[in-house]
Amino acid sequence: MTELLYLNENLGGGCYTKLRLASGEPCVISVSQKGAFVKKSRFGYFGTMLYYQAGVYEVIRLAEALDRRFPIKTIPNTLKNPVFISLTDAVWRCSNADEARFLLNEVSCGAKK
């Protein structure tokens, strides 16, 4: 089962969370005004990039596509940033980092059409 290790949601700036996926792999999610990334990482920003998007509008489109795919959220309901909620919820559902990479890139490609 996925476990929440760290959460920092700053509505004026960036949002950051660290999860431990069911496989035991650590996963970092960061959303800011510059874009978003998801990494398999034990030490914050260092690690293997699973998903990266620099444009804020593309990240919003990804969040909308994730909301259509997963309308019912499984993460704690204390979060307020809708884009951060969508990305965190999508990764929360994944059992390992490869599954998260595949899901986000698949949905991202569909959102660009």
PDB file of N, CA and C in Angstrom:
ATOM      1  N   MET A   1       0.844  -1.178   0.000  1.00  0.00           N
ATOM      2  CA  MET A   1       0.000   0.000   0.000  1.00  0.00           C
ATOM      3  C   MET A   1       0.892   1.246   0.000  1.00  0.00           C
ATOM      4  N   THR A   2       0.513   2.246  -0.762  1.00  0.00           N
ATOM      5  CA  THR A   2       1.276   3.487  -0.848  1.00  0.00           C
ATOM      6  C   THR A   2       1.180   4.252   0.463  1.00  0.00           C
ATOM      7  N   GLU A   3       2.296   4.881   0.827  1.00  0.00           N
ATOM      8  CA  GLU A   3       2.380   5.589   2.105  1.00  0.00           C
ATOM      9  C   GLU A   3       2.847   7.028   1.861  1.00  0.00           C
ATOM     10  N   LEU A   4       2.218   7.983   2.521  1.00  0.00           N
ATOM     11  CA  LEU A   4       2.610   9.383   2.451  1.00  0.00           C
ATOM     12  C   LEU A   4       3.746   9.628   3.436  1.00  0.00           C
ATOM     13  N   LEU A   5       4.906  10.078   2.924  1.00  0.00           N
ATOM     14  CA  LEU A   5       6.066  10.331   3.772  1.00  0.00           C
ATOM     15  C   LEU A   5       6.210  11.808   4.126  1.00  0.00           C
ATOM     16  N   TYR A   6       5.913  12.684   3.174  1.00  0.00           N
ATOM     17  CA  TYR A   6       6.082  14.113   3.384  1.00  0.00           C
ATOM     18  C   TYR A   6       5.126  14.869   2.473  1.00  0.00           C
ATOM     19  N   LEU A   7       4.593  15.990   2.955  1.00  0.00           N
ATOM     20  CA  LEU A   7       3.663  16.798   2.173  1.00  0.00           C
ATOM     21  C   LEU A   7       3.873  18.261   2.506  1.00  0.00           C
ATOM     22  N   ASN A   8       4.022  19.088   1.472  1.00  0.00           N
ATOM     23  CA  ASN A   8       4.118  20.528   1.642  1.00  0.00           C
ATOM     24  C   ASN A   8       3.330  21.174   0.517  1.00  0.00           C
ATOM     25  N   GLU A   9       2.196  21.739   0.851  1.00  0.00           N
ATOM     26  CA  GLU A   9       1.363  22.401  -0.152  1.00  0.00           C
ATOM     27  C   GLU A   9       1.352  23.891   0.134  1.00  0.00           C
ATOM     28  N   ASN A  10       2.026  24.631  -0.729  1.00  0.00           N
ATOM     29  CA  ASN A  10       2.077  26.077  -0.624  1.00  0.00           C
ATOM     30  C   ASN A  10       1.270  26.637  -1.787  1.00  0.00           C
ATOM     31  N   LEU A  11       0.090  27.165  -1.518  1.00  0.00           N
ATOM     32  CA  LEU A  11      -0.791  27.605  -2.590  1.00  0.00           C
ATOM     33  C   LEU A  11      -0.230  28.793  -3.359  1.00  0.00           C
ATOM     34  N   GLY A  12       0.632  29.583  -2.762  1.00  0.00           N
ATOM     35  CA  GLY A  12       1.237  30.715  -3.451  1.00  0.00           C
ATOM     36  C   GLY A  12       2.439  30.323  -4.294  1.00  0.00           C
ATOM     37  N   GLY A  13       2.994  29.169  -4.059  1.00  0.00           N
ATOM     38  CA  GLY A  13       4.191  28.726  -4.778  1.00  0.00           C
ATOM     39  C   GLY A  13       4.083  27.287  -5.194  1.00  0.00           C
ATOM     40  N   GLY A  14       5.066  26.516  -4.818  1.00  0.00           N
ATOM     41  CA  GLY A  14       5.108  25.124  -5.241  1.00  0.00           C
ATOM     42  C   GLY A  14       4.528  24.165  -4.233  1.00  0.00           C
ATOM     43  N   CYS A  15       4.133  23.013  -4.732  1.00  0.00           N
ATOM     44  CA  CYS A  15       3.619  21.923  -3.894  1.00  0.00           C
ATOM     45  C   CYS A  15       4.564  20.740  -4.073  1.00  0.00           C
ATOM     46  N   TYR A  16       4.812  20.028  -2.984  1.00  0.00           N
ATOM     47  CA  TYR A  16       5.806  18.958  -3.000  1.00  0.00           C
ATOM     48  C   TYR A  16       5.335  17.847  -2.079  1.00  0.00           C
ATOM     49  N   THR A  17       5.448  16.619  -2.546  1.00  0.00           N
ATOM     50  CA  THR A  17       5.136  15.482  -1.686  1.00  0.00           C
ATOM     51  C   THR A  17       6.087  14.329  -1.978  1.00  0.00           C
ATOM     52  N   LYS A  18       6.278  13.500  -0.980  1.00  0.00           N
ATOM     53  CA  LYS A  18       7.091  12.298  -1.145  1.00  0.00           C
ATOM     54  C   LYS A  18       6.250  11.111  -0.691  1.00  0.00           C
ATOM     55  N   LEU A  19       6.155  10.114  -1.570  1.00  0.00           N
ATOM     56  CA  LEU A  19       5.386   8.905  -1.297  1.00  0.00           C
ATOM     57  C   LEU A  19       6.316   7.701  -1.298  1.00  0.00           C
ATOM     58  N   ARG A  20       5.922   6.666  -0.605  1.00  0.00           N
ATOM     59  CA  ARG A  20       6.566   5.359  -0.743  1.00  0.00           C
ATOM     60  C   ARG A  20       5.518   4.465  -1.400  1.00  0.00           C
ATOM     61  N   LEU A  21       5.802   4.059  -2.632  1.00  0.00           N
ATOM     62  CA  LEU A  21       4.861   3.227  -3.376  1.00  0.00           C
ATOM     63  C   LEU A  21       4.799   1.833  -2.766  1.00  0.00           C
ATOM     64  N   ALA A  22       3.816   1.060  -3.162  1.00  0.00           N
ATOM     65  CA  ALA A  22       3.621  -0.288  -2.619  1.00  0.00           C
ATOM     66  C   ALA A  22       4.856  -1.166  -2.817  1.00  0.00           C
ATOM     67  N   SER A  23       5.623  -0.895  -3.873  1.00  0.00           N
ATOM     68  CA  SER A  23       6.838  -1.662  -4.151  1.00  0.00           C
ATOM     69  C   SER A  23       7.991  -1.281  -3.218  1.00  0.00           C
ATOM     70  N   GLY A  24       7.808  -0.221  -2.432  1.00  0.00           N
ATOM     71  CA  GLY A  24       8.862   0.268  -1.557  1.00  0.00           C
ATOM     72  C   GLY A  24       9.675   1.390  -2.180  1.00  0.00           C
ATOM     73  N   GLU A  25       9.415   1.705  -3.448  1.00  0.00           N
ATOM     74  CA  GLU A  25      10.146   2.759  -4.146  1.00  0.00           C
ATOM     75  C   GLU A  25       9.677   4.136  -3.679  1.00  0.00           C
ATOM     76  N   PRO A  26      10.603   5.050  -3.417  1.00  0.00           N
ATOM     77  CA  PRO A  26      10.225   6.417  -3.061  1.00  0.00           C
ATOM     78  C   PRO A  26       9.886   7.209  -4.318  1.00  0.00           C
ATOM     79  N   CYS A  27       8.911   8.067  -4.234  1.00  0.00           N
ATOM     80  CA  CYS A  27       8.472   8.845  -5.377  1.00  0.00           C
ATOM     81  C   CYS A  27       8.200  10.282  -4.924  1.00  0.00           C
ATOM     82  N   VAL A  28       8.769  11.236  -5.643  1.00  0.00           N
ATOM     83  CA  VAL A  28       8.618  12.651  -5.329  1.00  0.00           C
ATOM     84  C   VAL A  28       7.757  13.301  -6.403  1.00  0.00           C
ATOM     85  N   ILE A  29       6.784  14.110  -5.983  1.00  0.00           N
ATOM     86  CA  ILE A  29       5.908  14.841  -6.896  1.00  0.00           C
ATOM     87  C   ILE A  29       6.056  16.320  -6.577  1.00  0.00           C
ATOM     88  N   SER A  30       6.319  17.125  -7.598  1.00  0.00           N
ATOM     89  CA  SER A  30       6.450  18.561  -7.416  1.00  0.00           C
ATOM     90  C   SER A  30       5.624  19.287  -8.464  1.00  0.00           C
ATOM     91  N   VAL A  31       4.812  20.241  -8.020  1.00  0.00           N
ATOM     92  CA  VAL A  31       3.998  21.064  -8.911  1.00  0.00           C
ATOM     93  C   VAL A  31       4.250  22.512  -8.536  1.00  0.00           C
ATOM     94  N   SER A  32       4.579  23.336  -9.533  1.00  0.00           N
ATOM     95  CA  SER A  32       4.784  24.758  -9.285  1.00  0.00           C
ATOM     96  C   SER A  32       4.225  25.551 -10.461  1.00  0.00           C
ATOM     97  N   GLN A  33       4.415  26.842 -10.437  1.00  0.00           N
ATOM     98  CA  GLN A  33       3.937  27.695 -11.522  1.00  0.00           C
ATOM     99  C   GLN A  33       4.743  27.485 -12.792  1.00  0.00           C
ATOM    100  N   LYS A  34       5.889  26.847 -12.687  1.00  0.00           N
ATOM    101  CA  LYS A  34       6.744  26.586 -13.851  1.00  0.00           C
ATOM    102  C   LYS A  34       6.436  25.252 -14.513  1.00  0.00           C
ATOM    103  N   GLY A  35       5.736  24.348 -13.823  1.00  0.00           N
ATOM    104  CA  GLY A  35       5.441  23.041 -14.372  1.00  0.00           C
ATOM    105  C   GLY A  35       5.353  21.988 -13.290  1.00  0.00           C
ATOM    106  N   ALA A  36       5.632  20.737 -13.679  1.00  0.00           N
ATOM    107  CA  ALA A  36       5.522  19.630 -12.731  1.00  0.00           C
ATOM    108  C   ALA A  36       6.511  18.537 -13.087  1.00  0.00           C
ATOM    109  N   PHE A  37       6.912  17.784 -12.048  1.00  0.00           N
ATOM    110  CA  PHE A  37       7.711  16.594 -12.295  1.00  0.00           C
ATOM    111  C   PHE A  37       7.387  15.530 -11.256  1.00  0.00           C
ATOM    112  N   VAL A  38       7.646  14.285 -11.666  1.00  0.00           N
ATOM    113  CA  VAL A  38       7.524  13.132 -10.782  1.00  0.00           C
ATOM    114  C   VAL A  38       8.830  12.354 -10.937  1.00  0.00           C
ATOM    115  N   LYS A  39       9.475  12.059  -9.808  1.00  0.00           N
ATOM    116  CA  LYS A  39      10.750  11.350  -9.825  1.00  0.00           C
ATOM    117  C   LYS A  39      10.728  10.171  -8.872  1.00  0.00           C
ATOM    118  N   LYS A  40      11.483   9.154  -9.241  1.00  0.00           N
ATOM    119  CA  LYS A  40      11.786   8.059  -8.315  1.00  0.00           C
ATOM    120  C   LYS A  40      13.046   8.506  -7.600  1.00  0.00           C
ATOM    121  N   SER A  41      12.924   8.863  -6.323  1.00  0.00           N
ATOM    122  CA  SER A  41      14.041   9.511  -5.658  1.00  0.00           C
ATOM    123  C   SER A  41      14.063   9.254  -4.164  1.00  0.00           C
ATOM    124  N   ARG A  42      15.198   8.930  -3.663  1.00  0.00           N
ATOM    125  CA  ARG A  42      15.380   8.781  -2.218  1.00  0.00           C
ATOM    126  C   ARG A  42      15.804  10.091  -1.576  1.00  0.00           C
ATOM    127  N   PHE A  43      16.448  10.960  -2.347  1.00  0.00           N
ATOM    128  CA  PHE A  43      17.023  12.184  -1.792  1.00  0.00           C
ATOM    129  C   PHE A  43      16.474  13.423  -2.486  1.00  0.00           C
ATOM    130  N   GLY A  44      15.201  13.718  -2.285  1.00  0.00           N
ATOM    131  CA  GLY A  44      14.610  14.952  -2.804  1.00  0.00           C
ATOM    132  C   GLY A  44      14.639  15.054  -4.308  1.00  0.00           C
ATOM    133  N   TYR A  45      15.357  16.038  -4.828  1.00  0.00           N
ATOM    134  CA  TYR A  45      15.321  16.327  -6.254  1.00  0.00           C
ATOM    135  C   TYR A  45      16.254  15.458  -7.088  1.00  0.00           C
ATOM    136  N   PHE A  46      17.085  14.635  -6.480  1.00  0.00           N
ATOM    137  CA  PHE A  46      17.968  13.742  -7.217  1.00  0.00           C
ATOM    138  C   PHE A  46      17.225  12.434  -7.486  1.00  0.00           C
ATOM    139  N   GLY A  47      17.407  11.887  -8.669  1.00  0.00           N
ATOM    140  CA  GLY A  47      16.772  10.616  -8.965  1.00  0.00           C
ATOM    141  C   GLY A  47      16.342  10.497 -10.412  1.00  0.00           C
ATOM    142  N   THR A  48      15.688   9.413 -10.720  1.00  0.00           N
ATOM    143  CA  THR A  48      15.240   9.111 -12.072  1.00  0.00           C
ATOM    144  C   THR A  48      13.936   9.840 -12.370  1.00  0.00           C
ATOM    145  N   MET A  49      13.935  10.606 -13.462  1.00  0.00           N
ATOM    146  CA  MET A  49      12.744  11.351 -13.860  1.00  0.00           C
ATOM    147  C   MET A  49      11.711  10.382 -14.446  1.00  0.00           C
ATOM    148  N   LEU A  50      10.511  10.388 -13.882  1.00  0.00           N
ATOM    149  CA  LEU A  50       9.419   9.566 -14.395  1.00  0.00           C
ATOM    150  C   LEU A  50       8.517  10.374 -15.319  1.00  0.00           C
ATOM    151  N   TYR A  51       8.335  11.648 -14.982  1.00  0.00           N
ATOM    152  CA  TYR A  51       7.494  12.531 -15.798  1.00  0.00           C
ATOM    153  C   TYR A  51       7.948  13.965 -15.584  1.00  0.00           C
ATOM    154  N   TYR A  52       7.983  14.751 -16.661  1.00  0.00           N
ATOM    155  CA  TYR A  52       8.342  16.157 -16.556  1.00  0.00           C
ATOM    156  C   TYR A  52       7.538  16.953 -17.576  1.00  0.00           C
ATOM    157  N   GLN A  53       6.993  18.067 -17.148  1.00  0.00           N
ATOM    158  CA  GLN A  53       6.272  18.964 -18.043  1.00  0.00           C
ATOM    159  C   GLN A  53       6.563  20.390 -17.611  1.00  0.00           C
ATOM    160  N   ALA A  54       7.134  21.194 -18.517  1.00  0.00           N
ATOM    161  CA  ALA A  54       7.535  22.551 -18.166  1.00  0.00           C
ATOM    162  C   ALA A  54       6.390  23.546 -18.280  1.00  0.00           C
ATOM    163  N   GLY A  55       5.482  23.368 -19.177  1.00  0.00           N
ATOM    164  CA  GLY A  55       4.420  24.351 -19.398  1.00  0.00           C
ATOM    165  C   GLY A  55       3.246  24.168 -18.456  1.00  0.00           C
ATOM    166  N   VAL A  56       2.837  25.262 -17.833  1.00  0.00           N
ATOM    167  CA  VAL A  56       1.752  25.190 -16.855  1.00  0.00           C
ATOM    168  C   VAL A  56       0.429  24.776 -17.515  1.00  0.00           C
ATOM    169  N   TYR A  57       0.190  25.220 -18.747  1.00  0.00           N
ATOM    170  CA  TYR A  57      -1.063  24.860 -19.409  1.00  0.00           C
ATOM    171  C   TYR A  57      -1.107  23.375 -19.754  1.00  0.00           C
ATOM    172  N   GLU A  58       0.038  22.809 -20.110  1.00  0.00           N
ATOM    173  CA  GLU A  58       0.095  21.377 -20.391  1.00  0.00           C
ATOM    174  C   GLU A  58      -0.145  20.562 -19.120  1.00  0.00           C
ATOM    175  N   VAL A  59       0.369  21.056 -18.006  1.00  0.00           N
ATOM    176  CA  VAL A  59       0.155  20.373 -16.727  1.00  0.00           C
ATOM    177  C   VAL A  59      -1.324  20.440 -16.342  1.00  0.00           C
ATOM    178  N   ILE A  60      -1.959  21.566 -16.603  1.00  0.00           N
ATOM    179  CA  ILE A  60      -3.394  21.690 -16.321  1.00  0.00           C
ATOM    180  C   ILE A  60      -4.187  20.717 -17.188  1.00  0.00           C
ATOM    181  N   ARG A  61      -3.814  20.596 -18.465  1.00  0.00           N
ATOM    182  CA  ARG A  61      -4.492  19.630 -19.347  1.00  0.00           C
ATOM    183  C   ARG A  61      -4.296  18.197 -18.851  1.00  0.00           C
ATOM    184  N   LEU A  62      -3.096  17.894 -18.373  1.00  0.00           N
ATOM    185  CA  LEU A  62      -2.838  16.571 -17.807  1.00  0.00           C
ATOM    186  C   LEU A  62      -3.730  16.336 -16.597  1.00  0.00           C
ATOM    187  N   ALA A  63      -3.838  17.321 -15.709  1.00  0.00           N
ATOM    188  CA  ALA A  63      -4.675  17.187 -14.515  1.00  0.00           C
ATOM    189  C   ALA A  63      -6.137  16.966 -14.892  1.00  0.00           C
ATOM    190  N   GLU A  64      -6.605  17.679 -15.901  1.00  0.00           N
ATOM    191  CA  GLU A  64      -7.990  17.488 -16.352  1.00  0.00           C
ATOM    192  C   GLU A  64      -8.194  16.073 -16.890  1.00  0.00           C
ATOM    193  N   ALA A  65      -7.225  15.574 -17.660  1.00  0.00           N
ATOM    194  CA  ALA A  65      -7.323  14.207 -18.198  1.00  0.00           C
ATOM    195  C   ALA A  65      -7.284  13.177 -17.072  1.00  0.00           C
ATOM    196  N   LEU A  66      -6.440  13.415 -16.060  1.00  0.00           N
ATOM    197  CA  LEU A  66      -6.392  12.503 -14.910  1.00  0.00           C
ATOM    198  C   LEU A  66      -7.697  12.532 -14.130  1.00  0.00           C
ATOM    199  N   ASP A  67      -8.312  13.705 -14.016  1.00  0.00           N
ATOM    200  CA  ASP A  67      -9.607  13.815 -13.325  1.00  0.00           C
ATOM    201  C   ASP A  67     -10.697  13.040 -14.058  1.00  0.00           C
ATOM    202  N   ARG A  68     -10.655  13.055 -15.393  1.00  0.00           N
ATOM    203  CA  ARG A  68     -11.638  12.278 -16.158  1.00  0.00           C
ATOM    204  C   ARG A  68     -11.403  10.776 -15.967  1.00  0.00           C
ATOM    205  N   ARG A  69     -10.151  10.387 -15.894  1.00  0.00           N
ATOM    206  CA  ARG A  69      -9.820   8.969 -15.736  1.00  0.00           C
ATOM    207  C   ARG A  69     -10.107   8.466 -14.326  1.00  0.00           C
ATOM    208  N   PHE A  70      -9.821   9.299 -13.309  1.00  0.00           N
ATOM    209  CA  PHE A  70     -10.017   8.936 -11.904  1.00  0.00           C
ATOM    210  C   PHE A  70     -10.902   9.978 -11.215  1.00  0.00           C
ATOM    211  N   PRO A  71     -12.216   9.933 -11.426  1.00  0.00           N
ATOM    212  CA  PRO A  71     -13.083  10.962 -10.840  1.00  0.00           C
ATOM    213  C   PRO A  71     -13.186  10.889  -9.311  1.00  0.00           C
ATOM    214  N   ILE A  72     -12.980   9.712  -8.736  1.00  0.00           N
ATOM    215  CA  ILE A  72     -13.050   9.567  -7.274  1.00  0.00           C
ATOM    216  C   ILE A  72     -11.621   9.528  -6.734  1.00  0.00           C
ATOM    217  N   LYS A  73     -11.308  10.438  -5.829  1.00  0.00           N
ATOM    218  CA  LYS A  73      -9.951  10.571  -5.290  1.00  0.00           C
ATOM    219  C   LYS A  73      -9.722   9.598  -4.128  1.00  0.00           C
ATOM    220  N   THR A  74      -8.488   9.090  -4.031  1.00  0.00           N
ATOM    221  CA  THR A  74      -8.129   8.125  -2.986  1.00  0.00           C
ATOM    222  C   THR A  74      -7.125   8.700  -1.993  1.00  0.00           C
ATOM    223  N   ILE A  75      -6.694   9.929  -2.214  1.00  0.00           N
ATOM    224  CA  ILE A  75      -5.695  10.545  -1.336  1.00  0.00           C
ATOM    225  C   ILE A  75      -6.387  11.315  -0.210  1.00  0.00           C
ATOM    226  N   PRO A  76      -5.627  11.686   0.823  1.00  0.00           N
ATOM    227  CA  PRO A  76      -6.220  12.485   1.907  1.00  0.00           C
ATOM    228  C   PRO A  76      -6.848  13.767   1.362  1.00  0.00           C
ATOM    229  N   ASN A  77      -8.000  14.127   1.867  1.00  0.00           N
ATOM    230  CA  ASN A  77      -8.753  15.255   1.311  1.00  0.00           C
ATOM    231  C   ASN A  77      -8.359  16.609   1.894  1.00  0.00           C
ATOM    232  N   THR A  78      -7.166  16.747   2.446  1.00  0.00           N
ATOM    233  CA  THR A  78      -6.725  18.020   3.003  1.00  0.00           C
ATOM    234  C   THR A  78      -6.074  18.913   1.955  1.00  0.00           C
ATOM    235  N   LEU A  79      -5.786  18.383   0.771  1.00  0.00           N
ATOM    236  CA  LEU A  79      -5.129  19.165  -0.273  1.00  0.00           C
ATOM    237  C   LEU A  79      -6.109  20.120  -0.938  1.00  0.00           C
ATOM    238  N   LYS A  80      -5.587  21.261  -1.435  1.00  0.00           N
ATOM    239  CA  LYS A  80      -6.443  22.272  -2.034  1.00  0.00           C
ATOM    240  C   LYS A  80      -6.101  22.587  -3.490  1.00  0.00           C
ATOM    241  N   ASN A  81      -4.856  22.380  -3.917  1.00  0.00           N
ATOM    242  CA  ASN A  81      -4.442  22.674  -5.280  1.00  0.00           C
ATOM    243  C   ASN A  81      -4.944  21.561  -6.202  1.00  0.00           C
ATOM    244  N   PRO A  82      -5.856  21.867  -7.135  1.00  0.00           N
ATOM    245  CA  PRO A  82      -6.464  20.809  -7.956  1.00  0.00           C
ATOM    246  C   PRO A  82      -5.474  20.057  -8.852  1.00  0.00           C
ATOM    247  N   VAL A  83      -4.463  20.736  -9.374  1.00  0.00           N
ATOM    248  CA  VAL A  83      -3.468  20.064 -10.209  1.00  0.00           C
ATOM    249  C   VAL A  83      -2.627  19.115  -9.356  1.00  0.00           C
ATOM    250  N   PHE A  84      -2.229  19.583  -8.191  1.00  0.00           N
ATOM    251  CA  PHE A  84      -1.451  18.770  -7.259  1.00  0.00           C
ATOM    252  C   PHE A  84      -2.253  17.553  -6.804  1.00  0.00           C
ATOM    253  N   ILE A  85      -3.529  17.746  -6.547  1.00  0.00           N
ATOM    254  CA  ILE A  85      -4.416  16.643  -6.150  1.00  0.00           C
ATOM    255  C   ILE A  85      -4.457  15.580  -7.245  1.00  0.00           C
ATOM    256  N   SER A  86      -4.646  16.005  -8.486  1.00  0.00           N
ATOM    257  CA  SER A  86      -4.763  15.058  -9.598  1.00  0.00           C
ATOM    258  C   SER A  86      -3.492  14.242  -9.794  1.00  0.00           C
ATOM    259  N   LEU A  87      -2.336  14.918  -9.797  1.00  0.00           N
ATOM    260  CA  LEU A  87      -1.066  14.203  -9.972  1.00  0.00           C
ATOM    261  C   LEU A  87      -0.771  13.264  -8.804  1.00  0.00           C
ATOM    262  N   THR A  88      -0.970  13.753  -7.591  1.00  0.00           N
ATOM    263  CA  THR A  88      -0.697  12.936  -6.414  1.00  0.00           C
ATOM    264  C   THR A  88      -1.621  11.724  -6.367  1.00  0.00           C
ATOM    265  N   ASP A  89      -2.896  11.932  -6.681  1.00  0.00           N
ATOM    266  CA  ASP A  89      -3.854  10.829  -6.677  1.00  0.00           C
ATOM    267  C   ASP A  89      -3.493   9.775  -7.722  1.00  0.00           C
ATOM    268  N   ALA A  90      -3.074  10.222  -8.904  1.00  0.00           N
ATOM    269  CA  ALA A  90      -2.711   9.272  -9.964  1.00  0.00           C
ATOM    270  C   ALA A  90      -1.509   8.422  -9.557  1.00  0.00           C
ATOM    271  N   VAL A  91      -0.487   9.052  -8.987  1.00  0.00           N
ATOM    272  CA  VAL A  91       0.699   8.307  -8.562  1.00  0.00           C
ATOM    273  C   VAL A  91       0.363   7.419  -7.368  1.00  0.00           C
ATOM    274  N   TRP A  92      -0.493   7.895  -6.486  1.00  0.00           N
ATOM    275  CA  TRP A  92      -0.916   7.132  -5.300  1.00  0.00           C
ATOM    276  C   TRP A  92      -1.490   5.781  -5.706  1.00  0.00           C
ATOM    277  N   ARG A  93      -2.174   5.726  -6.831  1.00  0.00           N
ATOM    278  CA  ARG A  93      -2.823   4.503  -7.311  1.00  0.00           C
ATOM    279  C   ARG A  93      -1.831   3.497  -7.907  1.00  0.00           C
ATOM    280  N   CYS A  94      -0.624   3.931  -8.216  1.00  0.00           N
ATOM    281  CA  CYS A  94       0.368   3.070  -8.866  1.00  0.00           C
ATOM    282  C   CYS A  94       1.114   2.225  -7.848  1.00  0.00           C
ATOM    283  N   SER A  95       1.432   1.008  -8.237  1.00  0.00           N
ATOM    284  CA  SER A  95       2.128   0.112  -7.314  1.00  0.00           C
ATOM    285  C   SER A  95       3.641   0.239  -7.400  1.00  0.00           C
ATOM    286  N   ASN A  96       4.159   0.764  -8.520  1.00  0.00           N
ATOM    287  CA  ASN A  96       5.603   0.960  -8.653  1.00  0.00           C
ATOM    288  C   ASN A  96       5.897   2.146  -9.564  1.00  0.00           C
ATOM    289  N   ALA A  97       7.162   2.521  -9.649  1.00  0.00           N
ATOM    290  CA  ALA A  97       7.564   3.705 -10.407  1.00  0.00           C
ATOM    291  C   ALA A  97       7.331   3.543 -11.908  1.00  0.00           C
ATOM    292  N   ASP A  98       7.557   2.347 -12.433  1.00  0.00           N
ATOM    293  CA  ASP A  98       7.333   2.123 -13.860  1.00  0.00           C
ATOM    294  C   ASP A  98       5.866   2.297 -14.231  1.00  0.00           C
ATOM    295  N   GLU A  99       4.992   1.844 -13.368  1.00  0.00           N
ATOM    296  CA  GLU A  99       3.559   2.013 -13.599  1.00  0.00           C
ATOM    297  C   GLU A  99       3.186   3.498 -13.581  1.00  0.00           C
ATOM    298  N   ALA A 100       3.766   4.260 -12.658  1.00  0.00           N
ATOM    299  CA  ALA A 100       3.508   5.701 -12.587  1.00  0.00           C
ATOM    300  C   ALA A 100       4.004   6.393 -13.852  1.00  0.00           C
ATOM    301  N   ARG A 101       5.208   6.035 -14.301  1.00  0.00           N
ATOM    302  CA  ARG A 101       5.765   6.619 -15.538  1.00  0.00           C
ATOM    303  C   ARG A 101       4.847   6.334 -16.721  1.00  0.00           C
ATOM    304  N   PHE A 102       4.436   5.083 -16.865  1.00  0.00           N
ATOM    305  CA  PHE A 102       3.574   4.700 -17.978  1.00  0.00           C
ATOM    306  C   PHE A 102       2.249   5.451 -17.926  1.00  0.00           C
ATOM    307  N   LEU A 103       1.619   5.493 -16.757  1.00  0.00           N
ATOM    308  CA  LEU A 103       0.323   6.161 -16.612  1.00  0.00           C
ATOM    309  C   LEU A 103       0.410   7.637 -16.969  1.00  0.00           C
ATOM    310  N   LEU A 104       1.353   8.355 -16.379  1.00  0.00           N
ATOM    311  CA  LEU A 104       1.442   9.796 -16.609  1.00  0.00           C
ATOM    312  C   LEU A 104       1.792  10.130 -18.049  1.00  0.00           C
ATOM    313  N   ASN A 105       2.693   9.367 -18.648  1.00  0.00           N
ATOM    314  CA  ASN A 105       3.055   9.637 -20.043  1.00  0.00           C
ATOM    315  C   ASN A 105       1.936   9.261 -21.004  1.00  0.00           C
ATOM    316  N   GLU A 106       1.223   8.188 -20.715  1.00  0.00           N
ATOM    317  CA  GLU A 106       0.083   7.787 -21.544  1.00  0.00           C
ATOM    318  C   GLU A 106      -1.024   8.838 -21.488  1.00  0.00           C
ATOM    319  N   VAL A 107      -1.379   9.269 -20.311  1.00  0.00           N
ATOM    320  CA  VAL A 107      -2.443  10.267 -20.151  1.00  0.00           C
ATOM    321  C   VAL A 107      -1.993  11.600 -20.719  1.00  0.00           C
ATOM    322  N   SER A 108      -0.720  11.948 -20.553  1.00  0.00           N
ATOM    323  CA  SER A 108      -0.191  13.197 -21.071  1.00  0.00           C
ATOM    324  C   SER A 108      -0.273  13.238 -22.596  1.00  0.00           C
ATOM    325  N   CYS A 109       0.055  12.139 -23.251  1.00  0.00           N
ATOM    326  CA  CYS A 109      -0.039  12.073 -24.710  1.00  0.00           C
ATOM    327  C   CYS A 109      -1.476  12.226 -25.172  1.00  0.00           C
ATOM    328  N   GLY A 110      -2.407  11.628 -24.459  1.00  0.00           N
ATOM    329  CA  GLY A 110      -3.822  11.760 -24.787  1.00  0.00           C
ATOM    330  C   GLY A 110      -4.350  13.155 -24.540  1.00  0.00           C
ATOM    331  N   ALA A 111      -3.805  13.858 -23.542  1.00  0.00           N
ATOM    332  CA  ALA A 111      -4.259  15.210 -23.204  1.00  0.00           C
ATOM    333  C   ALA A 111      -3.786  16.236 -24.218  1.00  0.00           C
ATOM    334  N   LYS A 112      -2.724  15.931 -24.970  1.00  0.00           N
ATOM    335  CA  LYS A 112      -2.171  16.882 -25.948  1.00  0.00           C
ATOM    336  C   LYS A 112      -2.961  16.895 -27.245  1.00  0.00           C
ATOM    337  N   LYS A 113      -3.797  15.916 -27.445  1.00  0.00           N
ATOM    338  CA  LYS A 113      -4.543  15.813 -28.722  1.00  0.00           C
ATOM    339  C   LYS A 113      -5.664  16.817 -28.777  1.00  0.00           C
TER     340      LYS A 113
END
